[in-house]
Amino acid sequence: MIQRKSFTYSNYSFWTYSGFFFDIRFYFTKSFNYYVHMFVLKNKYFFIIESIKDIDLKNIKKSKKFNIIYRSSKIAKKFEQLLRFRNVCRTKNIGFYVSNNIKLAIILKADGIYISAYNKDLTFTRFKHSKLQIIGSAHNIKELKLKKLQGCTNIVFSRLFLTSYKNKNGFLGVVKFNLLSLLIKENLIPLGGIRLSNLNKLNMVRCNSIALLSEIKKKPKILSKSLF
């Protein structure tokens, strides 16, 4: 059953339609512009950051679904700050992954390691049966095969949607990504071009998890509330 509720606040009018499987909210202003906001339900969400300043952990609700991938080539100027950040992740049940640096991952007692697409080091396979989870990154079939050799069972694959990067043209879209995921045994995690404006499309994507980079920096509080 779908219920319709309406209320007003100042010069704005609001309508909410609620059902068993979705919750769509329409926001109408004087100029008749509106936004449709849909909640997305996936098993896991990965936020890729290049600095601990990129995200405020206060904006992320306590849930085992959320994960941070620390993708920085430079260790924080003050190691204590990074260690404190990692400890906050632990208290909030937020998974913490370190990019390419096994030594740092072990020191921080990270939940896993993230292998970038350009990283061809096969020594990561020795950690395949350790407590560290191995996540890889790929942009094409060749890189996908390499990540499988490196022991990755979860692979971040981009680009799902159109991005604004100058030197990164082309994207898969929902249909091509779904076809690719049917051919790959490993769990593919879509990345690229995911924004609040197209968040509802993720319900049609064949995946258990999603990864976000730039959007989590722009609207972390709003975005984290939309992921369930």
C-alpha atoms as a PDB file:
ATOM      1  CA  MET A   1       0.000   0.000   0.000  1.00  0.00           C
ATOM      2  CA  ILE A   2       1.263   3.465  -0.880  1.00  0.00           C
ATOM      3  CA  GLN A   3       0.443   6.401   1.356  1.00  0.00           C
ATOM      4  CA  ARG A   4       0.549  10.045   0.365  1.00  0.00           C
ATOM      5  CA  LYS A   5       1.296  12.704   2.947  1.00  0.00           C
ATOM      6  CA  SER A   6       1.615  16.438   2.472  1.00  0.00           C
ATOM      7  CA  PHE A   7       2.682  19.361   4.612  1.00  0.00           C
ATOM      8  CA  THR A   8       3.918  22.912   4.161  1.00  0.00           C
ATOM      9  CA  TYR A   9       6.786  24.846   5.634  1.00  0.00           C
ATOM     10  CA  SER A  10       7.208  28.550   4.899  1.00  0.00           C
ATOM     11  CA  ASN A  11       6.874  28.957   1.112  1.00  0.00           C
ATOM     12  CA  TYR A  12       7.690  25.354   0.295  1.00  0.00           C
ATOM     13  CA  SER A  13       5.338  22.409  -0.160  1.00  0.00           C
ATOM     14  CA  PHE A  14       6.274  18.801   0.461  1.00  0.00           C
ATOM     15  CA  TRP A  15       4.722  15.524  -0.594  1.00  0.00           C
ATOM     16  CA  THR A  16       5.866  12.079   0.544  1.00  0.00           C
ATOM     17  CA  TYR A  17       4.862   8.725  -0.918  1.00  0.00           C
ATOM     18  CA  SER A  18       5.732   5.763   1.291  1.00  0.00           C
ATOM     19  CA  GLY A  19       5.482   2.073   0.489  1.00  0.00           C
ATOM     20  CA  PHE A  20       6.929  -1.240   1.541  1.00  0.00           C
ATOM     21  CA  PHE A  21       9.911  -1.190  -0.826  1.00  0.00           C
ATOM     22  CA  PHE A  22      10.643   2.450  -1.480  1.00  0.00           C
ATOM     23  CA  ASP A  23      10.297   5.952  -0.148  1.00  0.00           C
ATOM     24  CA  ILE A  24      10.147   8.750  -2.720  1.00  0.00           C
ATOM     25  CA  ARG A  25      10.088  12.344  -1.650  1.00  0.00           C
ATOM     26  CA  PHE A  26       9.238  15.276  -3.909  1.00  0.00           C
ATOM     27  CA  TYR A  27      10.369  18.768  -3.008  1.00  0.00           C
ATOM     28  CA  PHE A  28       8.586  21.566  -4.889  1.00  0.00           C
ATOM     29  CA  THR A  29       9.660  25.201  -4.767  1.00  0.00           C
ATOM     30  CA  LYS A  30       8.128  28.371  -6.188  1.00  0.00           C
ATOM     31  CA  SER A  31      10.049  27.943  -9.431  1.00  0.00           C
ATOM     32  CA  PHE A  32       8.583  24.422  -9.828  1.00  0.00           C
ATOM     33  CA  ASN A  33      12.043  22.817  -9.773  1.00  0.00           C
ATOM     34  CA  TYR A  34      12.039  19.449  -8.027  1.00  0.00           C
ATOM     35  CA  TYR A  35      14.318  16.616  -7.060  1.00  0.00           C
ATOM     36  CA  VAL A  36      13.454  12.961  -6.646  1.00  0.00           C
ATOM     37  CA  HIS A  37      15.320  11.268  -3.844  1.00  0.00           C
ATOM     38  CA  MET A  38      15.386   7.489  -3.549  1.00  0.00           C
ATOM     39  CA  PHE A  39      17.018   5.392  -0.891  1.00  0.00           C
ATOM     40  CA  VAL A  40      19.454   2.738  -2.118  1.00  0.00           C
ATOM     41  CA  LEU A  41      19.849  -0.639  -0.449  1.00  0.00           C
ATOM     42  CA  LYS A  42      23.133  -2.533  -0.889  1.00  0.00           C
ATOM     43  CA  ASN A  43      25.169  -4.847   1.338  1.00  0.00           C
ATOM     44  CA  LYS A  44      28.243  -2.615   1.523  1.00  0.00           C
ATOM     45  CA  TYR A  45      29.356   0.923   0.697  1.00  0.00           C
ATOM     46  CA  PHE A  46      32.980   1.902   0.077  1.00  0.00           C
ATOM     47  CA  PHE A  47      34.122   5.510   0.461  1.00  0.00           C
ATOM     48  CA  ILE A  48      37.482   6.160  -1.215  1.00  0.00           C
ATOM     49  CA  ILE A  49      39.480   8.980   0.387  1.00  0.00           C
ATOM     50  CA  GLU A  50      42.956  10.382  -0.247  1.00  0.00           C
ATOM     51  CA  SER A  51      43.171  12.212   3.067  1.00  0.00           C
ATOM     52  CA  ILE A  52      41.559  11.727   6.468  1.00  0.00           C
ATOM     53  CA  LYS A  53      40.306  15.295   6.022  1.00  0.00           C
ATOM     54  CA  ASP A  54      38.192  14.226   3.037  1.00  0.00           C
ATOM     55  CA  ILE A  55      35.444  12.877   5.259  1.00  0.00           C
ATOM     56  CA  ASP A  56      33.985  13.590   8.674  1.00  0.00           C
ATOM     57  CA  LEU A  57      33.205  10.277  10.350  1.00  0.00           C
ATOM     58  CA  LYS A  58      30.498  11.994  12.385  1.00  0.00           C
ATOM     59  CA  ASN A  59      28.427  12.087   9.190  1.00  0.00           C
ATOM     60  CA  ILE A  60      28.508   8.302   8.857  1.00  0.00           C
ATOM     61  CA  LYS A  61      26.037   6.349  10.912  1.00  0.00           C
ATOM     62  CA  LYS A  62      27.196   3.343  12.894  1.00  0.00           C
ATOM     63  CA  SER A  63      26.780   0.371  10.606  1.00  0.00           C
ATOM     64  CA  LYS A  64      28.819  -2.603   9.427  1.00  0.00           C
ATOM     65  CA  LYS A  65      27.880  -1.699   5.853  1.00  0.00           C
ATOM     66  CA  PHE A  66      30.206   1.301   5.561  1.00  0.00           C
ATOM     67  CA  ASN A  67      33.887   1.033   4.626  1.00  0.00           C
ATOM     68  CA  ILE A  68      36.727   3.506   4.170  1.00  0.00           C
ATOM     69  CA  ILE A  69      39.466   2.944   1.577  1.00  0.00           C
ATOM     70  CA  TYR A  70      42.483   5.075   2.495  1.00  0.00           C
ATOM     71  CA  ARG A  71      44.025   5.640  -0.938  1.00  0.00           C
ATOM     72  CA  SER A  72      46.929   7.934  -0.138  1.00  0.00           C
ATOM     73  CA  SER A  73      50.516   7.602  -1.393  1.00  0.00           C
ATOM     74  CA  LYS A  74      51.641   9.751   1.516  1.00  0.00           C
ATOM     75  CA  ILE A  75      51.267   8.685   5.117  1.00  0.00           C
ATOM     76  CA  ALA A  76      49.684  11.391   7.265  1.00  0.00           C
ATOM     77  CA  LYS A  77      52.175  13.959   8.538  1.00  0.00           C
ATOM     78  CA  LYS A  78      51.243  12.899  12.022  1.00  0.00           C
ATOM     79  CA  PHE A  79      50.828   9.149  12.206  1.00  0.00           C
ATOM     80  CA  GLU A  80      48.866   9.558  15.433  1.00  0.00           C
ATOM     81  CA  GLN A  81      46.087  11.337  13.514  1.00  0.00           C
ATOM     82  CA  LEU A  82      45.753   8.455  11.066  1.00  0.00           C
ATOM     83  CA  LEU A  83      45.793   5.942  13.915  1.00  0.00           C
ATOM     84  CA  ARG A  84      43.094   7.907  15.737  1.00  0.00           C
ATOM     85  CA  PHE A  85      41.027   7.997  12.540  1.00  0.00           C
ATOM     86  CA  ARG A  86      41.353   4.248  12.167  1.00  0.00           C
ATOM     87  CA  ASN A  87      40.315   3.696  15.801  1.00  0.00           C
ATOM     88  CA  VAL A  88      37.182   5.810  15.307  1.00  0.00           C
ATOM     89  CA  CYS A  89      36.328   3.610  12.314  1.00  0.00           C
ATOM     90  CA  ARG A  90      36.644   0.570  14.549  1.00  0.00           C
ATOM     91  CA  THR A  91      34.343   1.971  17.249  1.00  0.00           C
ATOM     92  CA  LYS A  92      31.706   2.789  14.596  1.00  0.00           C
ATOM     93  CA  ASN A  93      32.005  -0.622  12.896  1.00  0.00           C
ATOM     94  CA  ILE A  94      33.348   1.044   9.733  1.00  0.00           C
ATOM     95  CA  GLY A  95      35.639  -1.204   7.703  1.00  0.00           C
ATOM     96  CA  PHE A  96      39.087   0.275   7.048  1.00  0.00           C
ATOM     97  CA  TYR A  97      41.242  -0.589   4.025  1.00  0.00           C
ATOM     98  CA  VAL A  98      44.722   0.662   3.143  1.00  0.00           C
ATOM     99  CA  SER A  99      45.776   1.170  -0.469  1.00  0.00           C
ATOM    100  CA  ASN A 100      48.815  -0.814  -1.699  1.00  0.00           C
ATOM    101  CA  ASN A 101      50.776  -0.562   1.582  1.00  0.00           C
ATOM    102  CA  ILE A 102      50.852  -3.910   3.376  1.00  0.00           C
ATOM    103  CA  LYS A 103      53.179  -2.666   6.118  1.00  0.00           C
ATOM    104  CA  LEU A 104      50.861   0.233   6.981  1.00  0.00           C
ATOM    105  CA  ALA A 105      47.823  -2.044   6.844  1.00  0.00           C
ATOM    106  CA  ILE A 106      49.398  -4.390   9.390  1.00  0.00           C
ATOM    107  CA  ILE A 107      50.505  -1.551  11.703  1.00  0.00           C
ATOM    108  CA  LEU A 108      47.008  -0.027  11.666  1.00  0.00           C
ATOM    109  CA  LYS A 109      45.406  -3.454  11.986  1.00  0.00           C
ATOM    110  CA  ALA A 110      43.332  -2.655   8.926  1.00  0.00           C
ATOM    111  CA  ASP A 111      40.468  -4.863   7.822  1.00  0.00           C
ATOM    112  CA  GLY A 112      41.932  -5.224   4.374  1.00  0.00           C
ATOM    113  CA  ILE A 113      44.189  -4.070   1.568  1.00  0.00           C
ATOM    114  CA  TYR A 114      43.157  -2.220  -1.608  1.00  0.00           C
ATOM    115  CA  ILE A 115      45.229  -2.936  -4.737  1.00  0.00           C
ATOM    116  CA  SER A 116      45.128  -0.122  -7.291  1.00  0.00           C
ATOM    117  CA  ALA A 117      44.633  -0.882 -10.982  1.00  0.00           C
ATOM    118  CA  TYR A 118      48.225   0.090 -11.845  1.00  0.00           C
ATOM    119  CA  ASN A 119      49.714  -2.174  -9.131  1.00  0.00           C
ATOM    120  CA  LYS A 120      50.924  -5.424 -10.750  1.00  0.00           C
ATOM    121  CA  ASP A 121      52.657  -6.892  -7.692  1.00  0.00           C
ATOM    122  CA  LEU A 122      51.729 -10.574  -7.344  1.00  0.00           C
ATOM    123  CA  THR A 123      53.123 -10.946  -3.808  1.00  0.00           C
ATOM    124  CA  PHE A 124      49.720  -9.901  -2.461  1.00  0.00           C
ATOM    125  CA  THR A 125      48.588 -13.492  -3.043  1.00  0.00           C
ATOM    126  CA  ARG A 126      50.420 -14.594   0.127  1.00  0.00           C
ATOM    127  CA  PHE A 127      47.785 -12.710   2.135  1.00  0.00           C
ATOM    128  CA  LYS A 128      44.914 -14.444   0.372  1.00  0.00           C
ATOM    129  CA  HIS A 129      44.270 -16.747   3.333  1.00  0.00           C
ATOM    130  CA  SER A 130      45.039 -14.186   6.038  1.00  0.00           C
ATOM    131  CA  LYS A 131      42.548 -12.074   7.963  1.00  0.00           C
ATOM    132  CA  LEU A 132      43.176  -9.208   5.530  1.00  0.00           C
ATOM    133  CA  GLN A 133      40.491  -8.904   2.866  1.00  0.00           C
ATOM    134  CA  ILE A 134      41.882  -8.107  -0.573  1.00  0.00           C
ATOM    135  CA  ILE A 135      40.037  -5.630  -2.786  1.00  0.00           C
ATOM    136  CA  GLY A 136      41.285  -4.666  -6.238  1.00  0.00           C
ATOM    137  CA  SER A 137      40.600  -1.937  -8.769  1.00  0.00           C
ATOM    138  CA  ALA A 138      40.218  -2.318 -12.530  1.00  0.00           C
ATOM    139  CA  HIS A 139      39.081  -0.429 -15.614  1.00  0.00           C
ATOM    140  CA  ASN A 140      39.135  -3.183 -18.252  1.00  0.00           C
ATOM    141  CA  ILE A 141      39.214  -6.969 -18.772  1.00  0.00           C
ATOM    142  CA  LYS A 142      43.029  -7.130 -18.722  1.00  0.00           C
ATOM    143  CA  GLU A 143      43.165  -5.466 -15.318  1.00  0.00           C
ATOM    144  CA  LEU A 144      40.317  -7.675 -14.082  1.00  0.00           C
ATOM    145  CA  LYS A 145      42.341 -10.795 -14.892  1.00  0.00           C
ATOM    146  CA  LEU A 146      45.359  -9.360 -13.068  1.00  0.00           C
ATOM    147  CA  LYS A 147      43.322  -8.639  -9.944  1.00  0.00           C
ATOM    148  CA  LYS A 148      42.072 -12.229  -9.957  1.00  0.00           C
ATOM    149  CA  LEU A 149      45.700 -13.422 -10.030  1.00  0.00           C
ATOM    150  CA  GLN A 150      46.449 -11.127  -7.090  1.00  0.00           C
ATOM    151  CA  GLY A 151      43.792 -12.870  -5.029  1.00  0.00           C
ATOM    152  CA  CYS A 152      41.056 -10.226  -5.173  1.00  0.00           C
ATOM    153  CA  THR A 153      37.540 -11.530  -4.622  1.00  0.00           C
ATOM    154  CA  ASN A 154      36.031  -8.034  -4.678  1.00  0.00           C
ATOM    155  CA  ILE A 155      36.991  -5.697  -7.503  1.00  0.00           C
ATOM    156  CA  VAL A 156      36.099  -2.020  -7.832  1.00  0.00           C
ATOM    157  CA  PHE A 157      35.312  -1.501 -11.517  1.00  0.00           C
ATOM    158  CA  SER A 158      34.970   1.883 -13.181  1.00  0.00           C
ATOM    159  CA  ARG A 159      33.433   3.730 -14.782  1.00  0.00           C
ATOM    160  CA  LEU A 160      29.767   3.034 -14.257  1.00  0.00           C
ATOM    161  CA  PHE A 161      28.443   6.468 -15.243  1.00  0.00           C
ATOM    162  CA  LEU A 162      29.790   9.511 -17.060  1.00  0.00           C
ATOM    163  CA  THR A 163      32.411  11.478 -15.124  1.00  0.00           C
ATOM    164  CA  SER A 164      33.756  15.001 -15.494  1.00  0.00           C
ATOM    165  CA  TYR A 165      37.435  13.994 -15.610  1.00  0.00           C
ATOM    166  CA  LYS A 166      39.126  15.436 -18.715  1.00  0.00           C
ATOM    167  CA  ASN A 167      41.259  12.421 -19.621  1.00  0.00           C
ATOM    168  CA  LYS A 168      38.714   9.754 -18.712  1.00  0.00           C
ATOM    169  CA  ASN A 169      36.196   9.303 -21.491  1.00  0.00           C
ATOM    170  CA  GLY A 170      33.603   6.575 -21.827  1.00  0.00           C
ATOM    171  CA  PHE A 171      31.560   4.625 -19.305  1.00  0.00           C
ATOM    172  CA  LEU A 172      29.692   1.322 -19.131  1.00  0.00           C
ATOM    173  CA  GLY A 173      26.216   2.273 -18.030  1.00  0.00           C
ATOM    174  CA  VAL A 174      23.783  -0.061 -16.274  1.00  0.00           C
ATOM    175  CA  VAL A 175      23.215  -2.617 -19.061  1.00  0.00           C
ATOM    176  CA  LYS A 176      26.885  -3.233 -19.972  1.00  0.00           C
ATOM    177  CA  PHE A 177      27.922  -3.386 -16.328  1.00  0.00           C
ATOM    178  CA  ASN A 178      25.234  -5.985 -15.606  1.00  0.00           C
ATOM    179  CA  LEU A 179      26.326  -8.091 -18.584  1.00  0.00           C
ATOM    180  CA  LEU A 180      29.948  -7.950 -17.409  1.00  0.00           C
ATOM    181  CA  SER A 181      29.006  -8.931 -13.862  1.00  0.00           C
ATOM    182  CA  LEU A 182      27.286 -12.050 -15.234  1.00  0.00           C
ATOM    183  CA  LEU A 183      30.555 -13.160 -16.848  1.00  0.00           C
ATOM    184  CA  ILE A 184      32.790 -12.458 -13.845  1.00  0.00           C
ATOM    185  CA  LYS A 185      32.771 -14.781 -10.823  1.00  0.00           C
ATOM    186  CA  GLU A 186      34.306 -12.137  -8.576  1.00  0.00           C
ATOM    187  CA  ASN A 187      32.094  -9.527  -6.957  1.00  0.00           C
ATOM    188  CA  LEU A 188      32.211  -6.319  -9.021  1.00  0.00           C
ATOM    189  CA  ILE A 189      31.821  -3.024  -7.165  1.00  0.00           C
ATOM    190  CA  PRO A 190      30.788  -0.144  -9.473  1.00  0.00           C
ATOM    191  CA  LEU A 191      32.583   3.197  -9.213  1.00  0.00           C
ATOM    192  CA  GLY A 192      32.472   6.396 -11.223  1.00  0.00           C
ATOM    193  CA  GLY A 193      29.915   9.102 -11.853  1.00  0.00           C
ATOM    194  CA  ILE A 194      27.666   8.040  -8.974  1.00  0.00           C
ATOM    195  CA  ARG A 195      25.853  11.121  -7.683  1.00  0.00           C
ATOM    196  CA  LEU A 196      22.755  11.982  -5.710  1.00  0.00           C
ATOM    197  CA  SER A 197      21.030  12.806  -9.002  1.00  0.00           C
ATOM    198  CA  ASN A 198      21.432   9.256 -10.361  1.00  0.00           C
ATOM    199  CA  LEU A 199      21.442   7.312  -7.106  1.00  0.00           C
ATOM    200  CA  ASN A 200      18.116   5.659  -7.937  1.00  0.00           C
ATOM    201  CA  LYS A 201      19.674   3.967 -10.994  1.00  0.00           C
ATOM    202  CA  LEU A 202      21.810   1.847  -8.681  1.00  0.00           C
ATOM    203  CA  ASN A 203      18.729  -0.195  -7.850  1.00  0.00           C
ATOM    204  CA  MET A 204      18.965  -1.581 -11.393  1.00  0.00           C
ATOM    205  CA  VAL A 205      22.688  -2.378 -11.156  1.00  0.00           C
ATOM    206  CA  ARG A 206      23.626  -6.010 -10.549  1.00  0.00           C
ATOM    207  CA  CYS A 207      25.907  -5.552  -7.550  1.00  0.00           C
ATOM    208  CA  ASN A 208      26.008  -6.070  -3.796  1.00  0.00           C
ATOM    209  CA  SER A 209      28.184  -3.034  -3.093  1.00  0.00           C
ATOM    210  CA  ILE A 210      29.038   0.394  -4.512  1.00  0.00           C
ATOM    211  CA  ALA A 211      32.060   2.680  -4.228  1.00  0.00           C
ATOM    212  CA  LEU A 212      32.115   6.479  -4.116  1.00  0.00           C
ATOM    213  CA  LEU A 213      34.949   8.967  -4.468  1.00  0.00           C
ATOM    214  CA  SER A 214      34.196  12.604  -5.290  1.00  0.00           C
ATOM    215  CA  GLU A 215      30.526  12.682  -4.244  1.00  0.00           C
ATOM    216  CA  ILE A 216      31.240  11.649  -0.665  1.00  0.00           C
ATOM    217  CA  LYS A 217      33.459  14.722  -0.320  1.00  0.00           C
ATOM    218  CA  LYS A 218      30.792  17.071  -1.686  1.00  0.00           C
ATOM    219  CA  LYS A 219      27.689  15.922   0.198  1.00  0.00           C
ATOM    220  CA  PRO A 220      28.753  13.362   2.828  1.00  0.00           C
ATOM    221  CA  LYS A 221      25.932  13.989   5.294  1.00  0.00           C
ATOM    222  CA  ILE A 222      23.111  13.877   2.730  1.00  0.00           C
ATOM    223  CA  LEU A 223      24.600  10.931   0.859  1.00  0.00           C
ATOM    224  CA  SER A 224      25.226   8.748   3.904  1.00  0.00           C
ATOM    225  CA  LYS A 225      21.568   9.165   4.895  1.00  0.00           C
ATOM    226  CA  SER A 226      20.508   7.808   1.494  1.00  0.00           C
ATOM    227  CA  LEU A 227      22.445   4.555   1.792  1.00  0.00           C
ATOM    228  CA  PHE A 228      20.797   1.703   3.678  1.00  0.00           C
END
